[in-house]
Amino acid sequence: MKLSVCAHEVGISYRTAFGWFKSGKIQGCQMDTGTLLISEPIRAPQTAEGPMKVAIDTRVSAAENKDDLDGQAIHLSNY
């Protein structure tokens, strides 16, 4: 299977998959035309289990809107 198709199926970019191929994390061969054929399927990276953490950064355009910072943070955390 072509490297681009494998990358798309796993949900990673072609550049990431190409880097993995060059570093030896993905097994395959390169044809005379330059096409990369992958012999083993790419496995998606495992994510850590548990709640995801995010940073919420709120800003205002003027000092008079400073009271709205807490409202923005609440709106973002509810999203």
Protein backbone atom coordinates (compact mmCIF):
# COMPACT_ATOMS: atom_id res chain seq x y z
CA MET A 1 0.00 0.00 0.00
CA LYS A 2 1.23 3.51 -0.77
CA LEU A 3 2.58 5.57 2.10
CA SER A 4 0.13 8.40 1.45
CA VAL A 5 -2.86 6.02 1.69
CA CYS A 6 -1.56 4.50 4.94
CA ALA A 7 -0.98 7.92 6.46
CA HIS A 8 -4.48 9.06 5.52
CA GLU A 9 -6.09 5.95 7.02
CA VAL A 10 -4.24 6.39 10.32
CA GLY A 11 -4.90 10.13 10.44
CA ILE A 12 -1.34 11.43 10.30
CA SER A 13 0.27 13.69 7.75
CA TYR A 14 2.31 12.34 4.87
CA ARG A 15 5.37 14.19 6.18
CA THR A 16 5.08 12.44 9.55
CA ALA A 17 4.72 9.05 7.88
CA PHE A 18 7.67 9.83 5.61
CA GLY A 19 9.79 10.73 8.63
CA TRP A 20 8.81 7.46 10.29
CA PHE A 21 9.78 5.60 7.09
CA LYS A 22 13.17 7.31 6.93
CA SER A 23 13.87 6.60 10.62
CA GLY A 24 12.92 2.92 10.22
CA LYS A 25 9.73 2.95 12.29
CA ILE A 26 7.73 1.88 9.22
CA GLN A 27 8.82 -1.06 7.06
CA GLY A 28 8.54 -0.78 3.30
CA CYS A 29 10.43 -0.17 0.09
CA GLN A 30 10.86 2.59 -2.44
CA MET A 31 10.13 1.86 -6.09
CA ASP A 32 12.29 3.16 -8.96
CA THR A 33 9.61 5.80 -9.59
CA GLY A 34 9.96 7.12 -6.02
CA THR A 35 6.69 5.66 -4.75
CA LEU A 36 6.93 4.36 -1.19
CA LEU A 37 5.20 1.04 -0.62
CA ILE A 38 4.53 0.00 2.96
CA SER A 39 4.65 -3.70 3.79
CA GLU A 40 3.15 -3.49 7.30
CA PRO A 41 0.17 -1.39 8.35
CA ILE A 42 0.90 1.77 10.31
CA ARG A 43 -0.46 1.77 13.82
CA ALA A 44 -1.90 4.99 15.20
CA PRO A 45 -0.02 6.37 18.18
CA GLN A 46 -1.59 5.47 21.50
CA THR A 47 -2.98 8.32 23.55
CA ALA A 48 -2.82 8.50 27.30
CA GLU A 49 -5.98 7.41 29.03
CA GLY A 50 -7.79 9.72 31.36
CA PRO A 51 -9.04 13.29 31.09
CA MET A 52 -7.38 15.57 28.60
CA LYS A 53 -5.94 18.83 29.89
CA VAL A 54 -6.12 22.14 28.11
CA ALA A 55 -4.93 25.63 28.91
CA ILE A 56 -7.50 28.40 28.67
CA ASP A 57 -6.11 31.83 27.87
CA THR A 58 -8.46 34.82 27.82
CA ARG A 59 -7.59 38.33 26.69
CA VAL A 60 -9.38 41.59 26.21
CA SER A 61 -8.72 44.33 23.73
CA ALA A 62 -9.05 47.18 26.21
CA ALA A 63 -8.81 47.68 29.98
CA GLU A 64 -12.50 48.58 30.14
CA ASN A 65 -13.39 45.00 29.09
CA LYS A 66 -11.30 43.42 31.85
CA ASP A 67 -14.42 42.39 33.79
CA ASP A 68 -15.34 40.04 30.95
CA LEU A 69 -12.28 37.79 31.42
CA ASP A 70 -14.03 35.40 33.82
CA GLY A 71 -17.02 35.17 31.49
CA GLN A 72 -14.75 34.26 28.59
CA ALA A 73 -13.00 31.57 30.66
CA ILE A 74 -16.34 30.05 31.69
CA HIS A 75 -17.57 30.09 28.09
CA LEU A 76 -14.39 28.35 26.87
CA SER A 77 -14.46 25.71 29.62
CA ASN A 78 -18.11 24.91 28.79
CA TYR A 79 -17.21 24.52 25.12
